[in-house]
């Protein structure tokens, strides 16, 4: 009789633990998977998505203008945009857009329509002011104004002060050369 009673108690205890684990998994299932501490990639969005998000929560916009054939664009994707500090900073402070300058899909931006012309999307031409080189980073303020165009490959060491300078509005009070000389890298 004692063996049956002990077996029944053990069964109840084990099933209680299993039920608690199942309930815990169910509760965490609906939580966002990527939190600030565990983000593993940049949240790239389309320019259309960013225009919608901007209505709810204005942020600066980080645009990576690239092409599929650009070797340095691929290196930047592999080395710079996979760095945990870069990912965390961009996701926290910017809406990030990855824009293929040769995409054939039309783009609607700020009431204008941009299509293809001569193998290049007109939005890329407008964004880069006709100075076509890849990769090129463009950072815009919350109202899509004051675009800062930064051509060329940016490794982690180079991108850190750029992100801080533009993301934290140092550009409004300090010239870039002065900021760059005094900036202490931490990534």
Protein backbone atom coordinates (compact mmCIF):
# COMPACT_ATOMS: atom_id res chain seq x y z
CA UNK A 1 0.00 0.00 0.00
CA UNK A 2 2.88 2.36 0.86
CA UNK A 3 4.44 1.76 -2.57
CA UNK A 4 1.19 2.61 -4.34
CA UNK A 5 0.73 5.77 -2.26
CA UNK A 6 4.35 6.89 -2.87
CA UNK A 7 4.02 6.16 -6.59
CA UNK A 8 0.78 8.18 -6.75
CA UNK A 9 2.41 11.12 -4.92
CA UNK A 10 5.43 11.02 -7.23
CA UNK A 11 3.14 10.95 -10.26
CA UNK A 12 1.21 13.97 -8.97
CA UNK A 13 4.43 15.88 -8.28
CA UNK A 14 5.89 15.09 -11.72
CA UNK A 15 2.69 16.03 -13.52
CA UNK A 16 2.57 19.29 -11.56
CA UNK A 17 6.10 20.15 -12.70
CA UNK A 18 5.29 19.24 -16.31
CA UNK A 19 2.11 21.35 -16.24
CA UNK A 20 4.06 24.33 -14.85
CA UNK A 21 6.69 24.00 -17.60
CA UNK A 22 3.99 23.77 -20.28
CA UNK A 23 2.23 26.85 -18.86
CA UNK A 24 5.53 28.78 -18.74
CA UNK A 25 6.30 27.93 -22.38
CA UNK A 26 2.78 28.97 -23.40
CA UNK A 27 3.12 32.33 -21.60
CA UNK A 28 6.49 33.15 -23.20
CA UNK A 29 5.43 31.98 -26.66
CA UNK A 30 3.74 35.33 -27.44
CA UNK A 31 6.57 37.51 -26.16
CA UNK A 32 8.77 39.27 -28.76
CA UNK A 33 11.69 37.01 -29.63
CA UNK A 34 14.29 39.75 -30.12
CA UNK A 35 14.80 42.02 -27.15
CA UNK A 36 17.44 44.73 -26.94
CA UNK A 37 19.83 42.34 -25.22
CA UNK A 38 19.35 39.44 -27.63
CA UNK A 39 18.89 41.10 -31.01
CA UNK A 40 20.89 39.25 -33.62
CA UNK A 41 20.18 41.33 -36.71
CA UNK A 42 19.22 44.78 -37.86
CA UNK A 43 15.49 45.25 -38.37
CA UNK A 44 15.56 46.28 -42.04
CA UNK A 45 12.33 47.83 -43.29
CA UNK A 46 11.04 49.17 -46.57
CA UNK A 47 10.79 52.93 -47.10
CA UNK A 48 7.00 52.50 -47.17
CA UNK A 49 7.01 50.80 -43.76
CA UNK A 50 9.19 53.56 -42.33
CA UNK A 51 6.81 56.25 -43.55
CA UNK A 52 3.98 54.49 -41.69
CA UNK A 53 6.05 53.94 -38.53
CA UNK A 54 7.14 57.57 -38.58
CA UNK A 55 3.52 58.64 -38.02
CA UNK A 56 3.42 56.74 -34.72
CA UNK A 57 6.98 57.11 -33.46
CA UNK A 58 9.35 59.49 -35.26
CA UNK A 59 12.99 58.39 -35.43
CA UNK A 60 16.00 59.09 -37.54
CA UNK A 61 16.31 56.94 -40.66
CA UNK A 62 19.40 54.94 -41.61
CA UNK A 63 19.44 53.92 -45.28
CA UNK A 64 21.93 51.44 -46.71
CA UNK A 65 21.96 51.96 -50.48
CA UNK A 66 23.48 48.93 -52.21
CA UNK A 67 23.38 46.77 -55.34
CA UNK A 68 23.41 43.00 -55.69
CA UNK A 69 26.75 43.05 -57.56
CA UNK A 70 28.59 45.34 -55.13
CA UNK A 71 31.41 43.46 -53.38
CA UNK A 72 31.94 46.04 -50.63
CA UNK A 73 28.19 46.03 -49.93
CA UNK A 74 28.44 42.29 -49.23
CA UNK A 75 31.46 42.80 -46.98
CA UNK A 76 29.58 45.49 -45.04
CA UNK A 77 26.60 43.12 -44.66
CA UNK A 78 28.87 40.35 -43.41
CA UNK A 79 31.22 42.31 -41.15
CA UNK A 80 29.61 45.59 -40.10
CA UNK A 81 25.90 44.81 -39.97
CA UNK A 82 26.49 41.64 -37.93
CA UNK A 83 28.35 43.39 -35.12
CA UNK A 84 26.23 43.22 -31.93
CA UNK A 85 26.90 46.86 -30.95
CA UNK A 86 26.04 48.13 -34.45
CA UNK A 87 22.85 46.05 -34.47
CA UNK A 88 21.80 47.26 -31.02
CA UNK A 89 22.53 50.93 -31.75
CA UNK A 90 20.82 51.03 -35.14
CA UNK A 91 17.72 49.16 -33.91
CA UNK A 92 17.41 51.43 -30.87
CA UNK A 93 17.99 54.79 -32.56
CA UNK A 94 16.96 54.47 -36.21
CA UNK A 95 14.52 52.97 -38.63
CA UNK A 96 16.81 51.02 -40.92
CA UNK A 97 16.16 50.72 -44.66
CA UNK A 98 18.13 48.49 -46.99
CA UNK A 99 17.55 49.88 -50.47
CA UNK A 100 18.68 48.16 -53.67
CA UNK A 101 19.49 51.01 -56.06
CA UNK A 102 18.62 48.74 -58.98
CA UNK A 103 15.29 47.46 -57.69
CA UNK A 104 12.59 47.48 -60.33
CA UNK A 105 9.70 48.01 -57.91
CA UNK A 106 8.36 51.54 -57.81
CA UNK A 107 8.82 53.54 -54.64
CA UNK A 108 6.34 56.02 -53.18
CA UNK A 109 8.04 58.50 -50.90
CA UNK A 110 6.72 61.75 -49.46
CA UNK A 111 4.02 62.05 -52.12
CA UNK A 112 6.32 61.31 -55.07
CA UNK A 113 6.57 58.21 -57.25
CA UNK A 114 9.98 56.82 -58.25
CA UNK A 115 10.52 54.14 -60.90
CA UNK A 116 13.40 52.76 -62.94
CA UNK A 117 15.39 54.84 -65.38
CA UNK A 118 18.52 53.57 -67.09
CA UNK A 119 18.93 50.62 -64.76
CA UNK A 120 18.74 52.65 -61.54
CA UNK A 121 15.74 53.37 -59.36
CA UNK A 122 15.02 57.09 -59.36
CA UNK A 123 14.62 57.05 -55.57
CA UNK A 124 18.29 56.05 -55.24
CA UNK A 125 19.30 58.84 -57.63
CA UNK A 126 17.26 61.36 -55.64
CA UNK A 127 18.54 60.07 -52.30
CA UNK A 128 22.21 60.12 -53.36
CA UNK A 129 21.82 63.40 -55.28
CA UNK A 130 23.06 61.68 -58.42
CA UNK A 131 26.41 60.70 -56.88
CA UNK A 132 26.01 56.98 -57.47
CA UNK A 133 28.46 54.78 -55.54
CA UNK A 134 27.88 51.68 -53.48
CA UNK A 135 27.59 51.15 -50.67
CA UNK A 136 26.40 54.54 -49.54
CA UNK A 137 24.84 55.33 -46.19
CA UNK A 138 22.21 58.05 -45.90
CA UNK A 139 21.00 59.24 -42.50
CA UNK A 140 17.93 61.47 -42.33
CA UNK A 141 16.36 63.28 -39.42
CA UNK A 142 12.96 62.32 -38.02
CA UNK A 143 11.12 64.37 -40.65
CA UNK A 144 13.10 62.81 -43.53
CA UNK A 145 15.01 66.09 -43.81
CA UNK A 146 18.71 66.97 -43.75
CA UNK A 147 20.06 63.79 -45.39
CA UNK A 148 23.68 63.10 -44.55
CA UNK A 149 25.31 61.10 -47.36
CA UNK A 150 28.28 58.92 -46.42
CA UNK A 151 29.71 57.05 -49.43
CA UNK A 152 31.80 53.92 -49.22
CA UNK A 153 32.38 50.89 -47.09
CA UNK A 154 32.21 51.51 -43.33
CA UNK A 155 33.72 48.96 -40.98
CA UNK A 156 32.71 48.86 -37.31
CA UNK A 157 35.54 51.19 -36.30
CA UNK A 158 34.47 53.77 -38.89
CA UNK A 159 30.70 53.47 -38.44
CA UNK A 160 30.65 53.84 -34.65
CA UNK A 161 31.48 57.57 -34.47
CA UNK A 162 29.24 58.26 -37.48
CA UNK A 163 26.25 56.62 -35.81
CA UNK A 164 26.89 58.40 -32.51
CA UNK A 165 27.51 61.76 -34.21
CA UNK A 166 24.30 61.64 -36.22
CA UNK A 167 22.17 59.53 -33.89
CA UNK A 168 22.74 61.73 -30.85
CA UNK A 169 22.58 65.07 -32.69
CA UNK A 170 26.20 66.04 -32.09
CA UNK A 171 26.17 67.39 -35.66
CA UNK A 172 23.91 70.22 -34.51
CA UNK A 173 26.57 71.74 -32.27
CA UNK A 174 29.96 70.24 -33.13
CA UNK A 175 31.76 70.10 -36.49
CA UNK A 176 32.57 66.52 -37.59
CA UNK A 177 36.36 67.04 -37.55
CA UNK A 178 36.25 68.25 -33.94
CA UNK A 179 33.92 65.45 -32.85
CA UNK A 180 35.99 62.77 -34.58
CA UNK A 181 39.24 63.94 -32.92
CA UNK A 182 37.76 63.80 -29.42
CA UNK A 183 35.58 60.69 -29.83
CA UNK A 184 36.64 57.64 -27.81
CA UNK A 185 35.56 54.39 -29.46
CA UNK A 186 33.95 51.78 -27.25
CA UNK A 187 32.86 49.10 -29.72
